[in-house]
Structure formats: C-alpha cells, structure tokens
C-alpha cells in the first residue's frame, strides 16, 4: 500500500475475475460512476471528490488507486 495526502494505492492479491467484477459494481453503487471509463480489466470513475481506478493484472492482482479530483 502507498499513500500520500492526495493518493492511495493498494494491491489485492488472489482476486478472481468474479470478485473484481463484484467490486466494480459495489464501487458504482457507492457513487463512483461519474466520467466512467470501462476497458478490459480496468474501470475508472469519480464521485466528484475522488477518482477511482481499478485494474486487474494477469497474475490475479487487483490494483486500487484513489486520487483527489482537482
């Protein structure tokens, strides 16, 4: 995990594709659906305060990145 005043980054190991997709849906339901971009293995959106980027690596590691919207 990595954190600064404006950024938090974490990796979650052993994440299945189903778990990743379920987490994306939870984030959407929590309001991270503004300016949404979905690509294969990546979801990015903001809630007006924070930008969230989720991505899946080939080794079943989900990367979560949150930044303050400026």
C-alpha atoms as a PDB file:
ATOM      1  CA  UNK A   1       0.000   0.000   0.000  1.00  0.00           C
ATOM      2  CA  UNK A   2       1.151   3.510  -0.814  1.00  0.00           C
ATOM      3  CA  UNK A   3      -0.406   6.741   0.426  1.00  0.00           C
ATOM      4  CA  UNK A   4       0.154  10.478   0.234  1.00  0.00           C
ATOM      5  CA  UNK A   5      -2.110  13.394   1.134  1.00  0.00           C
ATOM      6  CA  UNK A   6      -3.940  13.069  -2.186  1.00  0.00           C
ATOM      7  CA  UNK A   7      -3.386   9.472  -3.310  1.00  0.00           C
ATOM      8  CA  UNK A   8      -3.896   5.947  -2.006  1.00  0.00           C
ATOM      9  CA  UNK A   9      -2.738   2.886  -3.956  1.00  0.00           C
ATOM     10  CA  UNK A  10      -3.227  -0.725  -2.894  1.00  0.00           C
ATOM     11  CA  UNK A  11      -2.818  -4.148  -4.483  1.00  0.00           C
ATOM     12  CA  UNK A  12      -5.137  -7.020  -3.575  1.00  0.00           C
ATOM     13  CA  UNK A  13      -3.658 -10.444  -4.341  1.00  0.00           C
ATOM     14  CA  UNK A  14      -5.600 -13.590  -5.248  1.00  0.00           C
ATOM     15  CA  UNK A  15      -8.529 -11.679  -6.746  1.00  0.00           C
ATOM     16  CA  UNK A  16     -10.721 -13.698  -9.083  1.00  0.00           C
ATOM     17  CA  UNK A  17     -12.378 -12.119 -12.102  1.00  0.00           C
ATOM     18  CA  UNK A  18     -15.767 -12.575 -10.406  1.00  0.00           C
ATOM     19  CA  UNK A  19     -14.527 -10.814  -7.258  1.00  0.00           C
ATOM     20  CA  UNK A  20     -13.089  -7.976  -9.341  1.00  0.00           C
ATOM     21  CA  UNK A  21     -16.362  -7.532 -11.247  1.00  0.00           C
ATOM     22  CA  UNK A  22     -18.363  -7.594  -7.996  1.00  0.00           C
ATOM     23  CA  UNK A  23     -16.079  -4.913  -6.514  1.00  0.00           C
ATOM     24  CA  UNK A  24     -16.521  -2.733  -9.610  1.00  0.00           C
ATOM     25  CA  UNK A  25     -20.302  -2.962  -9.149  1.00  0.00           C
ATOM     26  CA  UNK A  26     -20.007  -2.052  -5.443  1.00  0.00           C
ATOM     27  CA  UNK A  27     -17.935   0.992  -6.359  1.00  0.00           C
ATOM     28  CA  UNK A  28     -20.510   2.062  -8.961  1.00  0.00           C
ATOM     29  CA  UNK A  29     -23.284   1.668  -6.377  1.00  0.00           C
ATOM     30  CA  UNK A  30     -21.225   3.751  -3.920  1.00  0.00           C
ATOM     31  CA  UNK A  31     -21.273   6.660  -6.378  1.00  0.00           C
ATOM     32  CA  UNK A  32     -18.107   6.101  -8.405  1.00  0.00           C
ATOM     33  CA  UNK A  33     -19.876   6.420 -11.725  1.00  0.00           C
ATOM     34  CA  UNK A  34     -19.091   9.963 -12.952  1.00  0.00           C
ATOM     35  CA  UNK A  35     -16.917  10.152 -16.084  1.00  0.00           C
ATOM     36  CA  UNK A  36     -16.760   6.350 -16.105  1.00  0.00           C
ATOM     37  CA  UNK A  37     -14.393   4.520 -18.447  1.00  0.00           C
ATOM     38  CA  UNK A  38     -14.520   0.744 -18.746  1.00  0.00           C
ATOM     39  CA  UNK A  39     -11.945  -1.280 -20.651  1.00  0.00           C
ATOM     40  CA  UNK A  40     -10.902  -4.911 -20.469  1.00  0.00           C
ATOM     41  CA  UNK A  41      -9.620  -5.348 -16.912  1.00  0.00           C
ATOM     42  CA  UNK A  42      -9.916  -1.653 -15.987  1.00  0.00           C
ATOM     43  CA  UNK A  43     -12.574   0.638 -14.523  1.00  0.00           C
ATOM     44  CA  UNK A  44     -12.092   4.339 -13.804  1.00  0.00           C
ATOM     45  CA  UNK A  45     -14.621   6.861 -12.484  1.00  0.00           C
ATOM     46  CA  UNK A  46     -15.045   9.594  -9.933  1.00  0.00           C
ATOM     47  CA  UNK A  47     -17.602  10.601  -7.335  1.00  0.00           C
ATOM     48  CA  UNK A  48     -16.906  14.325  -7.566  1.00  0.00           C
ATOM     49  CA  UNK A  49     -14.342  14.209  -4.759  1.00  0.00           C
ATOM     50  CA  UNK A  50     -12.122  11.217  -5.579  1.00  0.00           C
ATOM     51  CA  UNK A  51     -11.097   9.483  -8.792  1.00  0.00           C
ATOM     52  CA  UNK A  52     -11.030   5.696  -8.532  1.00  0.00           C
ATOM     53  CA  UNK A  53      -9.099   3.415 -10.880  1.00  0.00           C
ATOM     54  CA  UNK A  54      -9.429  -0.364 -10.587  1.00  0.00           C
ATOM     55  CA  UNK A  55      -7.393  -2.710 -12.723  1.00  0.00           C
ATOM     56  CA  UNK A  56      -6.742  -6.434 -12.902  1.00  0.00           C
ATOM     57  CA  UNK A  57      -3.341  -7.892 -13.698  1.00  0.00           C
ATOM     58  CA  UNK A  58      -2.785 -11.288 -15.302  1.00  0.00           C
ATOM     59  CA  UNK A  59      -1.472 -12.647 -12.001  1.00  0.00           C
ATOM     60  CA  UNK A  60      -4.866 -12.158 -10.246  1.00  0.00           C
ATOM     61  CA  UNK A  61      -3.792  -8.943  -8.525  1.00  0.00           C
ATOM     62  CA  UNK A  62      -6.319  -6.111  -8.380  1.00  0.00           C
ATOM     63  CA  UNK A  63      -4.833  -2.634  -8.196  1.00  0.00           C
ATOM     64  CA  UNK A  64      -6.902   0.073  -6.488  1.00  0.00           C
ATOM     65  CA  UNK A  65      -5.908   3.715  -6.898  1.00  0.00           C
ATOM     66  CA  UNK A  66      -7.753   6.717  -5.455  1.00  0.00           C
ATOM     67  CA  UNK A  67      -6.799  10.329  -6.087  1.00  0.00           C
ATOM     68  CA  UNK A  68      -8.339  13.637  -5.069  1.00  0.00           C
ATOM     69  CA  UNK A  69     -10.217  15.206  -8.002  1.00  0.00           C
ATOM     70  CA  UNK A  70      -8.616  18.544  -8.814  1.00  0.00           C
END
